Amino acid sequence: MRHTEFWARLERAVGRGYYEVWADQFVMSELGGRTAREALDAGVSPKQVWAAVWSALELPATER
């Protein structure tokens, strides 16, 4: 998964006006107590970050 795909999926999941705020503020234990943006900036793969986001948002299996 590329970063652009990650951001597009997150935008679809939480909404255009909110996805960047969510990525900057929602801390996930699956990412070592980091936000999605912090994890991406630290070099965690977008696929791994998406898996944590998918779990945190309890998205349907089709979004995995």
N, C-alpha and C. Protein backbone atom coordinates (compact mmCIF):
# COMPACT_ATOMS: atom_id res chain seq x y z
N MET A 1 0.85 -1.17 0.00
CA MET A 1 0.00 0.00 0.00
C MET A 1 0.90 1.25 0.00
N ARG A 2 0.55 2.19 -0.82
CA ARG A 2 1.27 3.46 -0.88
C ARG A 2 0.65 4.46 0.09
N HIS A 3 1.40 5.48 0.39
CA HIS A 3 0.90 6.53 1.29
C HIS A 3 -0.36 7.18 0.71
N THR A 4 -0.39 7.39 -0.60
CA THR A 4 -1.55 8.03 -1.21
C THR A 4 -2.80 7.18 -1.04
N GLU A 5 -2.65 5.86 -1.16
CA GLU A 5 -3.80 4.98 -0.95
C GLU A 5 -4.25 5.01 0.50
N PHE A 6 -3.28 5.02 1.43
CA PHE A 6 -3.63 5.11 2.85
C PHE A 6 -4.48 6.34 3.12
N TRP A 7 -4.02 7.50 2.63
CA TRP A 7 -4.74 8.75 2.89
C TRP A 7 -6.11 8.76 2.24
N ALA A 8 -6.22 8.20 1.06
CA ALA A 8 -7.52 8.13 0.38
C ALA A 8 -8.48 7.24 1.17
N ARG A 9 -8.00 6.12 1.66
CA ARG A 9 -8.86 5.22 2.46
C ARG A 9 -9.30 5.89 3.75
N LEU A 10 -8.36 6.58 4.41
CA LEU A 10 -8.71 7.24 5.67
C LEU A 10 -9.73 8.35 5.42
N GLU A 11 -9.58 9.07 4.33
CA GLU A 11 -10.55 10.11 3.99
C GLU A 11 -11.94 9.52 3.78
N ARG A 12 -12.02 8.40 3.08
CA ARG A 12 -13.31 7.74 2.87
C ARG A 12 -13.89 7.24 4.19
N ALA A 13 -13.03 6.77 5.08
CA ALA A 13 -13.50 6.17 6.33
C ALA A 13 -14.04 7.19 7.32
N VAL A 14 -13.38 8.34 7.46
CA VAL A 14 -13.79 9.30 8.48
C VAL A 14 -14.29 10.63 7.94
N GLY A 15 -14.12 10.86 6.65
CA GLY A 15 -14.66 12.08 6.06
C GLY A 15 -13.60 13.08 5.65
N ARG A 16 -13.92 13.81 4.60
CA ARG A 16 -12.98 14.76 4.00
C ARG A 16 -12.51 15.83 4.99
N GLY A 17 -13.39 16.39 5.74
CA GLY A 17 -13.01 17.49 6.62
C GLY A 17 -12.38 17.05 7.93
N TYR A 18 -12.30 15.76 8.17
CA TYR A 18 -11.88 15.28 9.48
C TYR A 18 -10.69 14.33 9.46
N TYR A 19 -10.38 13.72 8.32
CA TYR A 19 -9.39 12.65 8.30
C TYR A 19 -8.00 13.10 8.74
N GLU A 20 -7.58 14.30 8.38
CA GLU A 20 -6.25 14.75 8.80
C GLU A 20 -6.19 15.04 10.30
N VAL A 21 -7.25 15.60 10.83
CA VAL A 21 -7.33 15.84 12.27
C VAL A 21 -7.29 14.52 13.02
N TRP A 22 -8.06 13.55 12.53
CA TRP A 22 -8.08 12.23 13.16
C TRP A 22 -6.68 11.61 13.14
N ALA A 23 -6.00 11.69 12.01
CA ALA A 23 -4.66 11.11 11.87
C ALA A 23 -3.65 11.78 12.80
N ASP A 24 -3.88 13.04 13.13
CA ASP A 24 -2.97 13.78 14.00
C ASP A 24 -3.28 13.62 15.48
N GLN A 25 -4.49 13.19 15.82
CA GLN A 25 -4.88 13.21 17.23
C GLN A 25 -5.25 11.86 17.84
N PHE A 26 -5.65 10.89 17.04
CA PHE A 26 -6.11 9.61 17.59
C PHE A 26 -4.91 8.68 17.83
N VAL A 27 -4.63 8.39 19.08
CA VAL A 27 -3.49 7.55 19.46
C VAL A 27 -3.94 6.10 19.52
N MET A 28 -3.12 5.22 18.94
CA MET A 28 -3.46 3.79 18.90
C MET A 28 -2.36 2.96 19.55
N SER A 29 -2.76 2.07 20.44
CA SER A 29 -1.79 1.22 21.12
C SER A 29 -1.09 0.29 20.13
N GLU A 30 -1.80 -0.12 19.08
CA GLU A 30 -1.21 -1.00 18.06
C GLU A 30 -0.02 -0.35 17.36
N LEU A 31 0.06 0.96 17.44
CA LEU A 31 1.16 1.70 16.81
C LEU A 31 2.15 2.21 17.85
N GLY A 32 2.17 1.56 18.99
CA GLY A 32 3.12 1.96 20.03
C GLY A 32 2.77 3.27 20.71
N GLY A 33 1.47 3.56 20.80
CA GLY A 33 1.03 4.79 21.44
C GLY A 33 1.24 6.02 20.57
N ARG A 34 1.23 5.80 19.26
CA ARG A 34 1.41 6.92 18.33
C ARG A 34 0.14 7.12 17.51
N THR A 35 0.06 8.27 16.91
CA THR A 35 -1.01 8.54 15.96
C THR A 35 -0.62 7.94 14.61
N ALA A 36 -1.58 7.91 13.70
CA ALA A 36 -1.30 7.40 12.36
C ALA A 36 -0.19 8.23 11.70
N ARG A 37 -0.27 9.52 11.81
CA ARG A 37 0.75 10.37 11.17
C ARG A 37 2.12 10.17 11.80
N GLU A 38 2.16 10.08 13.12
CA GLU A 38 3.44 9.84 13.80
C GLU A 38 4.05 8.52 13.37
N ALA A 39 3.22 7.49 13.26
CA ALA A 39 3.71 6.18 12.85
C ALA A 39 4.25 6.23 11.42
N LEU A 40 3.51 6.86 10.52
CA LEU A 40 3.98 6.99 9.14
C LEU A 40 5.28 7.78 9.08
N ASP A 41 5.35 8.87 9.82
CA ASP A 41 6.57 9.69 9.85
C ASP A 41 7.76 8.94 10.42
N ALA A 42 7.49 7.96 11.29
CA ALA A 42 8.55 7.17 11.91
C ALA A 42 8.97 5.99 11.02
N GLY A 43 8.30 5.84 9.88
CA GLY A 43 8.69 4.80 8.94
C GLY A 43 7.88 3.52 8.99
N VAL A 44 6.81 3.51 9.78
CA VAL A 44 5.92 2.35 9.80
C VAL A 44 5.21 2.29 8.45
N SER A 45 5.08 1.10 7.90
CA SER A 45 4.49 0.97 6.57
C SER A 45 3.02 1.41 6.60
N PRO A 46 2.57 2.03 5.52
CA PRO A 46 1.16 2.42 5.44
C PRO A 46 0.22 1.23 5.62
N LYS A 47 0.61 0.06 5.16
CA LYS A 47 -0.22 -1.14 5.31
C LYS A 47 -0.41 -1.48 6.79
N GLN A 48 0.66 -1.39 7.56
CA GLN A 48 0.58 -1.68 9.00
C GLN A 48 -0.25 -0.61 9.72
N VAL A 49 -0.06 0.64 9.34
CA VAL A 49 -0.84 1.72 9.95
C VAL A 49 -2.32 1.55 9.60
N TRP A 50 -2.61 1.19 8.34
CA TRP A 50 -4.00 0.99 7.95
C TRP A 50 -4.63 -0.14 8.76
N ALA A 51 -3.90 -1.20 9.00
CA ALA A 51 -4.43 -2.32 9.80
C ALA A 51 -4.85 -1.83 11.18
N ALA A 52 -4.06 -0.96 11.78
CA ALA A 52 -4.39 -0.41 13.10
C ALA A 52 -5.61 0.50 13.01
N VAL A 53 -5.67 1.32 11.97
CA VAL A 53 -6.81 2.22 11.75
C VAL A 53 -8.08 1.40 11.54
N TRP A 54 -7.99 0.39 10.68
CA TRP A 54 -9.13 -0.47 10.38
C TRP A 54 -9.69 -1.08 11.67
N SER A 55 -8.80 -1.54 12.52
CA SER A 55 -9.22 -2.14 13.79
C SER A 55 -9.83 -1.09 14.72
N ALA A 56 -9.19 0.05 14.84
CA ALA A 56 -9.66 1.10 15.75
C ALA A 56 -11.03 1.62 15.34
N LEU A 57 -11.27 1.73 14.05
CA LEU A 57 -12.55 2.26 13.57
C LEU A 57 -13.60 1.17 13.39
N GLU A 58 -13.19 -0.07 13.61
CA GLU A 58 -14.11 -1.21 13.46
C GLU A 58 -14.79 -1.17 12.08
N LEU A 59 -13.96 -1.02 11.05
CA LEU A 59 -14.47 -0.95 9.69
C LEU A 59 -14.84 -2.35 9.20
N PRO A 60 -15.69 -2.44 8.19
CA PRO A 60 -16.07 -3.75 7.66
C PRO A 60 -14.89 -4.45 6.98
N ALA A 61 -14.99 -5.75 6.88
CA ALA A 61 -13.92 -6.56 6.29
C ALA A 61 -13.60 -6.12 4.86
N THR A 62 -14.57 -5.58 4.16
CA THR A 62 -14.34 -5.14 2.78
C THR A 62 -13.35 -3.97 2.71
N GLU A 63 -13.15 -3.29 3.81
CA GLU A 63 -12.22 -2.15 3.85
C GLU A 63 -10.82 -2.56 4.27
N ARG A 64 -10.64 -3.81 4.58
CA ARG A 64 -9.34 -4.27 5.06
C ARG A 64 -8.36 -4.23 3.94
